[in-house]
Amino acid sequence: MEARPRAYAYALQQCQVAPRDAMLVAVHPWDTDGASRAGLSSAWINRSSARYPPPTS
């Protein structure tokens, strides 16, 4: 389950940061996908040597 784009927009607004200047680092692929879709840079930390899931759309 990924956060809705408005959740990222709210966080960016509260931090007074533009999406291009923000980055989300997470251990769950769906979090990095959601952040990328909201315009943020993202990084996935692979703690289990799993393969990154392919995009669904």
C-alpha atoms as a PDB file:
ATOM      1  CA  MET A   1       0.000   0.000   0.000  1.00  0.00           C
ATOM      2  CA  GLU A   2       1.555   3.272  -1.063  1.00  0.00           C
ATOM      3  CA  ALA A   3       0.791   6.727   0.199  1.00  0.00           C
ATOM      4  CA  ARG A   4      -1.457   8.891  -1.922  1.00  0.00           C
ATOM      5  CA  PRO A   5       0.225  11.761  -3.794  1.00  0.00           C
ATOM      6  CA  ARG A   6      -1.444  14.280  -1.490  1.00  0.00           C
ATOM      7  CA  ALA A   7       0.440  12.764   1.471  1.00  0.00           C
ATOM      8  CA  TYR A   8       3.741  13.554  -0.232  1.00  0.00           C
ATOM      9  CA  ALA A   9       2.466  16.999  -1.234  1.00  0.00           C
ATOM     10  CA  TYR A  10       1.502  17.711   2.375  1.00  0.00           C
ATOM     11  CA  ALA A  11       4.918  16.636   3.697  1.00  0.00           C
ATOM     12  CA  LEU A  12       6.710  18.739   1.082  1.00  0.00           C
ATOM     13  CA  GLN A  13       4.549  21.743   1.894  1.00  0.00           C
ATOM     14  CA  GLN A  14       5.188  21.393   5.628  1.00  0.00           C
ATOM     15  CA  CYS A  15       8.937  21.131   5.022  1.00  0.00           C
ATOM     16  CA  GLN A  16       8.829  23.923   2.425  1.00  0.00           C
ATOM     17  CA  VAL A  17      10.697  21.749  -0.059  1.00  0.00           C
ATOM     18  CA  ALA A  18      10.067  21.234  -3.771  1.00  0.00           C
ATOM     19  CA  PRO A  19       9.684  17.617  -4.956  1.00  0.00           C
ATOM     20  CA  ARG A  20      12.851  17.893  -7.045  1.00  0.00           C
ATOM     21  CA  ASP A  21      14.780  18.749  -3.847  1.00  0.00           C
ATOM     22  CA  ALA A  22      13.414  15.853  -1.773  1.00  0.00           C
ATOM     23  CA  MET A  23      14.285  12.200  -1.547  1.00  0.00           C
ATOM     24  CA  LEU A  24      12.623   9.240   0.129  1.00  0.00           C
ATOM     25  CA  VAL A  25      14.750   6.298   1.238  1.00  0.00           C
ATOM     26  CA  ALA A  26      12.780   3.196   2.210  1.00  0.00           C
ATOM     27  CA  VAL A  27      12.956  -0.563   2.619  1.00  0.00           C
ATOM     28  CA  HIS A  28       9.593  -1.180   0.923  1.00  0.00           C
ATOM     29  CA  PRO A  29       9.467  -0.950  -2.873  1.00  0.00           C
ATOM     30  CA  TRP A  30       5.925   0.438  -2.860  1.00  0.00           C
ATOM     31  CA  ASP A  31       7.098   3.429  -0.814  1.00  0.00           C
ATOM     32  CA  THR A  32       9.830   4.301  -3.298  1.00  0.00           C
ATOM     33  CA  ASP A  33       7.393   3.848  -6.177  1.00  0.00           C
ATOM     34  CA  GLY A  34       4.871   6.212  -4.596  1.00  0.00           C
ATOM     35  CA  ALA A  35       7.515   8.832  -3.923  1.00  0.00           C
ATOM     36  CA  SER A  36       8.797   8.620  -7.493  1.00  0.00           C
ATOM     37  CA  ARG A  37       5.266   9.045  -8.836  1.00  0.00           C
ATOM     38  CA  ALA A  38       4.949  12.175  -6.670  1.00  0.00           C
ATOM     39  CA  GLY A  39       8.100  13.664  -8.217  1.00  0.00           C
ATOM     40  CA  LEU A  40      10.617  12.866  -5.484  1.00  0.00           C
ATOM     41  CA  SER A  41      13.891  11.044  -5.933  1.00  0.00           C
ATOM     42  CA  SER A  42      13.877   7.696  -4.196  1.00  0.00           C
ATOM     43  CA  ALA A  43      16.199   4.937  -3.059  1.00  0.00           C
ATOM     44  CA  TRP A  44      15.311   1.391  -2.095  1.00  0.00           C
ATOM     45  CA  ILE A  45      17.356  -0.338   0.605  1.00  0.00           C
ATOM     46  CA  ASN A  46      17.335  -4.042  -0.144  1.00  0.00           C
ATOM     47  CA  ARG A  47      17.664  -5.747   3.239  1.00  0.00           C
ATOM     48  CA  SER A  48      16.823  -9.245   2.034  1.00  0.00           C
ATOM     49  CA  SER A  49      18.607  -9.612  -1.326  1.00  0.00           C
ATOM     50  CA  ALA A  50      15.191  -9.698  -2.996  1.00  0.00           C
ATOM     51  CA  ARG A  51      14.627  -8.579  -6.564  1.00  0.00           C
ATOM     52  CA  TYR A  52      12.934  -5.239  -7.027  1.00  0.00           C
ATOM     53  CA  PRO A  53       9.396  -5.958  -8.237  1.00  0.00           C
ATOM     54  CA  PRO A  54       8.575  -5.013 -11.818  1.00  0.00           C
ATOM     55  CA  PRO A  55       6.298  -1.993 -12.344  1.00  0.00           C
ATOM     56  CA  THR A  56       2.606  -2.785 -12.429  1.00  0.00           C
ATOM     57  CA  SER A  57       1.611   0.156 -14.625  1.00  0.00           C
END
